[in-house]
Amino acid sequence: MLTNSQKKYLFAIYILGQDGKPVKSTSVADFLGVSKASTVKMTQRLIDEKYIIKEPYREIRLTPQGIKAANELFTPSVILQNFLQNKVGVSEENAREDSITIASQVSREALEKLVQYSLAISAN
């Protein structure tokens, strides 16, 4: 099971790698606002757990398992970002960052309930 920190890193790799873009460790560190050393350490954990593939001095790629796990975070995050931005009035940048934090920090149950609530409110 992924830790909250692993979820954030996996999510960042997923976002940065959209459209087939290569993902570098420095890009992940910049995206998350963490040190390169922290990114290297977490990258190794994600490699060990088979969520990503990274050869020395190469880009990071998600495995099928990594894609599935990241996608489970991405969809709720987009829904929450839209809710925060359009219904709550949070700025676009903060809504994006906050939705990533929420999706990676709360329990699956809480995330599902928040998404359901967001969709219900947004429908009105």
Protein backbone atom coordinates (compact mmCIF):
# COMPACT_ATOMS: atom_id res chain seq x y z
CA MET A 1 0.00 0.00 0.00
CA LEU A 2 1.29 3.43 -0.92
CA THR A 3 2.18 5.94 1.77
CA ASN A 4 0.88 9.50 1.49
CA SER A 5 4.33 10.68 0.36
CA GLN A 6 4.57 7.96 -2.27
CA LYS A 7 1.16 8.99 -3.58
CA LYS A 8 2.32 12.58 -4.00
CA TYR A 9 5.44 11.54 -5.90
CA LEU A 10 3.51 9.11 -8.08
CA PHE A 11 0.93 11.77 -8.83
CA ALA A 12 3.66 14.27 -9.75
CA ILE A 13 5.30 11.77 -12.12
CA TYR A 14 1.92 11.06 -13.69
CA ILE A 15 1.16 14.77 -14.24
CA LEU A 16 4.63 15.60 -15.53
CA GLY A 17 4.63 12.61 -17.89
CA GLN A 18 1.34 13.39 -19.57
CA ASP A 19 1.53 13.62 -23.34
CA GLY A 20 4.50 11.26 -23.34
CA LYS A 21 6.92 13.83 -21.94
CA PRO A 22 10.08 12.43 -20.32
CA VAL A 23 10.11 12.90 -16.55
CA LYS A 24 13.34 13.81 -14.80
CA SER A 25 13.97 13.62 -11.07
CA THR A 26 14.70 17.34 -10.97
CA SER A 27 11.29 18.07 -12.52
CA VAL A 28 9.59 15.98 -9.83
CA ALA A 29 11.56 17.77 -7.09
CA ASP A 30 10.63 21.17 -8.53
CA PHE A 31 6.96 20.21 -8.94
CA LEU A 32 6.69 19.05 -5.33
CA GLY A 33 9.00 21.69 -3.86
CA VAL A 34 11.30 19.09 -2.31
CA SER A 35 15.02 18.43 -2.48
CA LYS A 36 16.65 16.33 -5.18
CA ALA A 37 17.92 13.99 -2.44
CA SER A 38 14.37 13.37 -1.20
CA THR A 39 13.27 12.67 -4.75
CA VAL A 40 16.10 10.19 -5.32
CA LYS A 41 15.22 8.36 -2.10
CA MET A 42 11.51 8.19 -2.92
CA THR A 43 12.20 7.22 -6.52
CA GLN A 44 14.13 4.21 -5.26
CA ARG A 45 11.22 3.18 -3.05
CA LEU A 46 8.81 3.44 -5.97
CA ILE A 47 11.20 1.38 -8.11
CA ASP A 48 11.45 -1.26 -5.37
CA GLU A 49 7.65 -1.48 -5.19
CA LYS A 50 7.40 -1.66 -8.99
CA TYR A 51 5.44 1.57 -9.51
CA ILE A 52 8.11 3.17 -11.69
CA ILE A 53 11.10 2.27 -13.84
CA LYS A 54 14.22 4.41 -13.89
CA GLU A 55 17.59 3.43 -15.20
CA PRO A 56 20.61 5.41 -13.96
CA TYR A 57 20.75 8.88 -15.53
CA ARG A 58 17.50 8.26 -17.42
CA GLU A 59 13.95 9.50 -17.22
CA ILE A 60 11.29 8.07 -14.95
CA ARG A 61 8.51 5.95 -16.44
CA LEU A 62 5.43 4.58 -14.74
CA THR A 63 4.80 0.84 -14.80
CA PRO A 64 1.25 -0.40 -15.53
CA GLN A 65 0.82 -0.72 -11.74
CA GLY A 66 2.06 2.87 -11.32
CA ILE A 67 -0.29 4.18 -14.00
CA LYS A 68 -3.26 2.49 -12.32
CA ALA A 69 -2.37 3.86 -8.87
CA ALA A 70 -1.71 7.38 -10.19
CA ASN A 71 -4.91 7.41 -12.20
CA GLU A 72 -6.86 6.54 -9.05
CA LEU A 73 -5.49 9.79 -7.57
CA PHE A 74 -5.72 11.91 -10.72
CA THR A 75 -9.45 11.67 -11.42
CA PRO A 76 -10.56 12.60 -7.88
CA SER A 77 -7.96 15.38 -7.85
CA VAL A 78 -9.37 16.94 -11.02
CA ILE A 79 -12.91 16.82 -9.59
CA LEU A 80 -11.76 18.37 -6.31
CA GLN A 81 -9.72 21.03 -8.11
CA ASN A 82 -12.77 22.05 -10.13
CA PHE A 83 -14.90 22.16 -6.98
CA LEU A 84 -12.38 24.21 -5.01
CA GLN A 85 -11.84 26.64 -7.84
CA ASN A 86 -15.38 27.07 -9.16
CA LYS A 87 -17.58 26.51 -6.11
CA VAL A 88 -15.37 27.53 -3.20
CA GLY A 89 -13.45 30.32 -4.96
CA VAL A 90 -9.90 29.08 -4.38
CA SER A 91 -7.32 30.37 -6.87
CA GLU A 92 -6.38 28.03 -9.70
CA GLU A 93 -2.85 27.41 -8.40
CA ASN A 94 -3.98 26.75 -4.82
CA ALA A 95 -6.90 24.60 -5.98
CA ARG A 96 -4.47 22.43 -7.97
CA GLU A 97 -2.01 22.07 -5.10
CA ASP A 98 -4.72 21.54 -2.49
CA SER A 99 -6.53 18.93 -4.57
CA ILE A 100 -3.29 16.96 -4.95
CA THR A 101 -2.70 17.16 -1.20
CA ILE A 102 -6.25 16.07 -0.40
CA ALA A 103 -6.17 13.17 -2.88
CA SER A 104 -2.88 11.89 -1.50
CA GLN A 105 -3.48 12.48 2.23
CA VAL A 106 -7.01 11.38 3.10
CA SER A 107 -8.37 7.85 3.31
CA ARG A 108 -9.94 6.25 0.26
CA GLU A 109 -13.34 6.47 1.97
CA ALA A 110 -12.99 10.18 2.71
CA LEU A 111 -11.75 10.85 -0.83
CA GLU A 112 -14.72 9.04 -2.36
CA LYS A 113 -17.15 10.96 -0.13
CA LEU A 114 -15.51 14.29 -0.95
CA VAL A 115 -15.70 13.52 -4.67
CA GLN A 116 -19.37 12.53 -4.39
CA TYR A 117 -20.12 15.71 -2.46
CA SER A 118 -18.20 17.86 -4.97
CA LEU A 119 -20.06 16.32 -7.89
CA ALA A 120 -23.43 16.80 -6.17
CA ILE A 121 -22.72 20.46 -5.37
CA SER A 122 -21.31 21.12 -8.84
CA ALA A 123 -24.43 19.69 -10.47
CA ASN A 124 -26.56 22.38 -8.80
